[in-house]
Protein backbone atom coordinates (compact mmCIF):
# COMPACT_ATOMS: atom_id res chain seq x y z
CA MET A 1 13.34 53.37 36.10
CA ALA A 2 11.36 56.35 35.02
CA ARG A 3 7.54 56.24 34.93
CA SER A 4 6.47 59.77 35.45
CA PRO A 5 5.17 61.12 32.17
CA ARG A 6 6.82 64.58 33.17
CA LEU A 7 10.14 62.80 33.79
CA ILE A 8 9.94 61.06 30.51
CA ASP A 9 9.17 64.23 28.66
CA LYS A 10 12.42 65.77 30.37
CA ILE A 11 14.61 62.96 29.52
CA LEU A 12 13.69 62.85 25.75
CA ALA A 13 13.76 66.68 25.40
CA ARG A 14 17.42 66.59 26.79
CA HIS A 15 18.33 63.84 24.40
CA PHE A 16 16.84 65.83 21.48
CA ASP A 17 18.62 69.14 22.73
CA ASP A 18 21.72 67.12 22.73
CA HIS A 19 21.40 65.94 19.21
CA GLY A 20 21.12 62.36 20.66
CA HIS A 21 20.88 59.10 18.68
CA PHE A 22 19.27 55.77 19.47
CA TRP A 23 20.36 52.24 19.06
CA LEU A 24 17.83 49.93 17.50
CA ILE A 25 18.34 46.37 18.76
CA PRO A 26 15.79 43.72 17.70
CA LYS A 27 14.69 41.62 20.88
CA GLY A 28 16.44 38.14 20.76
CA ASP A 29 19.06 39.34 18.24
CA GLU A 30 21.08 41.63 20.56
CA ASP A 31 24.26 41.01 18.30
CA PHE A 32 22.66 43.35 15.73
CA GLN A 33 22.66 47.03 16.62
CA ILE A 34 22.06 49.99 14.37
CA ALA A 35 22.48 53.80 15.42
CA VAL A 36 20.04 56.11 14.18
CA GLN A 37 19.68 60.00 14.82
CA MET A 38 16.82 61.54 16.74
CA VAL A 39 15.47 64.21 14.39
CA SER A 40 12.62 65.91 15.84
CA ASN A 41 10.64 65.89 19.38
CA ASP A 42 7.08 66.41 19.47
CA PRO A 43 6.23 66.62 23.30
CA GLU A 44 2.62 68.04 22.72
CA ASN A 45 1.76 64.63 20.93
CA ARG A 46 4.26 62.57 22.76
CA ARG A 47 6.19 61.26 19.94
CA PHE A 48 9.51 61.73 18.17
CA LEU A 49 11.03 60.91 14.93
CA ILE A 50 14.31 58.97 14.13
CA ASP A 51 16.31 58.54 10.81
CA GLN A 52 15.78 55.29 9.20
CA PRO A 53 19.02 53.22 8.52
CA LYS A 54 20.26 52.07 5.30
CA GLU A 55 18.74 49.48 3.05
CA ILE A 56 20.17 46.16 4.42
CA PRO A 57 19.78 47.01 8.10
CA LEU A 58 16.40 48.66 7.56
CA ARG A 59 15.07 45.38 6.08
CA HIS A 60 16.36 43.45 9.18
CA ILE A 61 14.59 46.06 11.53
CA LYS A 62 11.36 45.77 9.58
CA ALA A 63 11.61 42.15 9.70
CA SER A 64 12.17 42.16 13.51
CA GLY A 65 9.13 42.11 15.90
CA ARG A 66 9.96 43.86 19.26
CA ILE A 67 12.56 46.55 19.01
CA ARG A 68 14.59 47.79 22.01
CA VAL A 69 15.28 51.44 21.56
CA GLN A 70 18.56 52.38 23.64
CA ALA A 71 20.58 55.45 24.13
CA MET A 72 23.27 57.07 26.58
CA ILE A 73 21.24 59.70 28.39
CA ASP A 74 22.69 61.69 31.39
CA GLN A 75 25.47 59.16 31.55
CA LEU A 76 22.97 56.24 31.97
CA VAL A 77 22.00 53.55 29.52
CA SER A 78 18.44 54.28 28.88
CA TRP A 79 15.89 52.08 27.07
CA PHE A 80 12.36 50.87 26.31
CA TYR A 81 10.60 48.61 23.67
CA VAL A 82 8.30 49.07 20.89
CA ASP A 83 6.40 46.39 19.06
CA ASN A 84 6.04 48.13 15.81
CA LEU A 85 8.06 50.76 14.07
CA LYS A 86 5.38 53.14 12.20
CA GLU A 87 6.90 54.56 9.14
CA ARG A 88 6.52 58.40 8.54
CA ILE A 89 7.24 59.76 5.10
CA GLU A 90 7.93 63.75 4.67
CA GLY A 91 8.51 64.47 0.90
CA ASN A 92 11.50 62.36 0.05
CA GLU A 93 12.45 61.69 3.56
CA ARG A 94 11.56 58.48 5.43
CA TYR A 95 11.60 58.27 9.21
CA PHE A 96 10.29 56.17 12.10
CA GLU A 97 7.78 57.73 14.37
CA ILE A 98 8.45 56.64 18.00
CA PRO A 99 5.42 57.06 20.66
CA TYR A 100 6.78 58.20 24.01
CA PRO A 101 6.91 55.05 26.13
CA ASP A 102 4.92 54.41 29.39
CA GLN A 103 8.44 53.95 31.28
CA ILE A 104 12.19 54.20 30.54
CA ASP A 105 14.49 51.58 32.04
CA ARG A 106 17.88 53.37 33.08
CA LEU A 107 21.32 51.89 34.48
CA GLN A 108 24.29 53.39 35.55
CA ARG A 109 27.14 52.45 33.07
CA ARG A 110 30.40 51.21 34.61
CA ASN A 111 32.96 53.90 34.70
CA VAL A 112 36.06 53.57 32.54
CA PHE A 113 39.30 55.36 32.64
CA ARG A 114 39.70 57.67 29.43
CA VAL A 115 43.30 58.43 28.97
CA ARG A 116 44.29 61.33 26.78
CA LEU A 117 47.68 60.52 25.05
CA SER A 118 50.46 62.75 25.73
CA PRO A 119 52.89 63.99 22.80
CA ASP A 120 55.30 61.56 23.96
CA VAL A 121 52.93 58.62 23.19
CA ILE A 122 52.31 58.07 19.49
CA GLY A 123 49.03 56.36 18.80
CA VAL A 124 47.44 55.96 15.50
CA VAL A 125 44.67 54.24 13.82
CA GLU A 126 44.68 53.04 10.09
CA PHE A 127 41.23 52.38 8.47
CA PHE A 128 39.54 52.21 4.66
CA GLN A 129 37.29 55.16 4.18
CA PRO A 130 33.91 53.43 3.63
CA THR A 131 32.87 55.25 0.56
CA MET A 132 36.27 55.55 -1.37
CA SER A 133 38.19 52.36 -0.16
CA THR A 134 40.98 54.63 0.57
CA LEU A 135 43.47 54.08 3.54
CA PHE A 136 43.49 56.98 6.11
CA VAL A 137 45.60 57.34 9.18
CA GLY A 138 44.43 59.27 12.09
CA ARG A 139 45.85 60.21 15.45
CA ILE A 140 44.52 58.70 18.59
CA ASP A 141 43.50 61.72 20.78
CA ASP A 142 42.29 59.47 23.90
CA LEU A 143 41.60 55.96 24.75
CA SER A 144 39.50 53.97 27.17
CA ALA A 145 38.76 50.17 27.45
CA SER A 146 35.46 50.81 25.61
CA GLY A 147 36.45 53.01 22.72
CA CYS A 148 38.88 55.82 21.42
CA ALA A 149 38.79 59.49 19.91
CA VAL A 150 40.68 59.76 16.66
CA ALA A 151 41.66 63.10 15.28
CA LEU A 152 41.31 63.62 11.65
CA CYS A 153 41.35 66.16 8.65
CA PRO A 154 38.09 67.11 7.60
CA ASP A 155 38.26 65.31 4.22
CA GLN A 156 39.08 62.17 5.96
CA ALA A 157 36.23 62.40 8.08
CA VAL A 158 33.67 62.38 5.13
CA ALA A 159 31.10 59.58 5.38
CA LEU A 160 32.00 58.78 8.90
CA ASP A 161 28.47 59.52 10.29
CA VAL A 162 27.20 58.10 13.48
CA GLY A 163 26.44 54.41 13.27
CA VAL A 164 29.12 53.75 10.46
CA ARG A 165 31.01 50.67 11.31
CA LEU A 166 34.76 50.13 10.36
CA PRO A 167 35.76 46.77 10.68
CA SER A 168 39.66 45.57 11.06
CA VAL A 169 41.05 48.99 12.16
CA LYS A 170 44.49 48.79 12.88
CA LEU A 171 45.25 50.60 16.26
CA ALA A 172 48.90 51.05 17.23
CA ILE A 173 50.22 52.58 20.16
CA ASP A 174 54.20 52.98 20.09
CA GLY A 175 55.63 50.68 22.78
CA PHE A 176 52.14 49.50 24.11
CA ALA A 177 50.08 47.77 21.48
CA ASN A 178 49.54 46.69 17.75
CA LEU A 179 45.98 45.36 17.46
CA SER A 180 43.19 45.01 14.90
CA VAL A 181 39.73 46.19 16.30
CA ASN A 182 36.39 46.77 14.88
CA LEU A 183 34.89 50.16 15.58
CA VAL A 184 31.52 52.10 15.23
CA ILE A 185 31.33 55.61 15.00
CA ARG A 186 29.40 57.33 18.01
CA ASN A 187 29.98 61.00 17.73
CA GLN A 188 31.66 63.72 15.79
CA ARG A 189 32.87 67.26 16.82
CA ILE A 190 34.74 70.07 14.84
CA VAL A 191 37.78 71.14 16.77
CA SER A 192 39.01 73.39 13.98
CA GLN A 193 38.99 73.99 10.14
CA ARG A 194 41.60 71.66 10.20
CA GLU A 195 40.81 68.97 12.69
CA TRP A 196 37.78 66.87 13.55
CA ILE A 197 37.44 64.54 16.57
CA ILE A 198 35.66 61.19 15.78
CA GLY A 199 34.50 59.24 18.80
CA ALA A 200 34.39 55.54 18.06
CA GLU A 201 33.40 52.39 20.36
CA PHE A 202 35.02 49.20 20.10
CA VAL A 203 32.58 46.27 19.13
CA ASP A 204 32.27 42.94 17.92
CA LEU A 205 30.66 43.01 14.50
CA GLY A 206 28.95 39.89 15.11
CA PRO A 207 29.40 36.18 13.92
CA ALA A 208 32.29 36.77 11.59
CA GLY A 209 33.88 33.15 12.40
CA VAL A 210 35.77 31.58 15.26
CA THR A 211 39.09 33.35 14.30
CA ALA A 212 37.46 36.92 14.39
CA ALA A 213 35.82 36.08 17.57
CA ARG A 214 38.98 35.17 19.07
CA SER A 215 40.82 37.81 17.65
CA HIS A 216 38.19 40.23 19.22
CA SER A 217 38.48 38.74 22.56
CA HIS A 218 42.35 39.09 22.60
CA ALA A 219 41.91 42.66 21.65
CA SER A 220 39.39 43.38 24.41
CA ALA A 221 41.64 41.66 26.82
CA THR A 222 44.71 43.57 25.64
CA LEU A 223 42.99 46.93 25.93
CA SER A 224 41.59 46.51 29.35
CA ALA A 225 45.33 45.54 30.45
CA LEU A 226 46.79 48.51 28.48
CA ILE A 227 44.79 51.51 29.75
CA PRO A 228 46.57 51.58 33.31
CA LEU A 229 49.86 51.25 31.54
CA VAL A 230 49.40 54.06 29.16
CA ARG A 231 47.49 56.15 31.86
CA ARG A 232 50.52 55.74 34.01
CA ASP A 233 52.94 56.57 31.21
CA CYS A 234 51.14 59.82 30.19
CA GLN A 235 51.08 60.86 33.84
CA ASP A 236 54.69 60.30 34.29
CA SER A 237 55.43 62.26 30.90
CA THR A 238 53.70 65.27 32.30
CA HIS A 239 55.66 65.39 35.43
């Protein structure tokens, strides 16, 4: 837990310098989570701005009372609560203004193996591009029990912004798994003019029926069991 104002200043400054984002999570409705970008930081006045989500999640957030503001900072799950989100309008842009908290709770995230797939292990994801309803195929660059990194062409990465959710993504690793998973985009990085890497987290998108819940549980269990196998195969292929 961080209570020192100086420490809180440093934590939020580092997150802003890292172009970080926050999850907005209504208290009592933890299945709903929406990612927003931290767009400015004002340590002198002890406040910062975050983007507003799109219309439908925005209505839900505004109708909620207490909001948990959460992020991964310094490899720690870090969060605090706000009771009212103050809207700030600058020209045509709308933001939420968040005051610095009196304290930030922090928790060490459980370590998970992240396996980089070797050339001998073929892994792909198939998903529908959210704005064009076009089926795209990306290469799995690495994999863990909590998410994966996917290599895409730049034109395939259009509209895959942080916080975008991709339901019913087909994840296939030759000789290991063929699953349907739900993803949420957590980060992007440009590797070259021809390739972007999209970091995505495996998530359950909420109450979509018993069949979907069972499917997600099966996928999670399969992925947890899959990592050591892929890890061993990738290590063997490099020797």
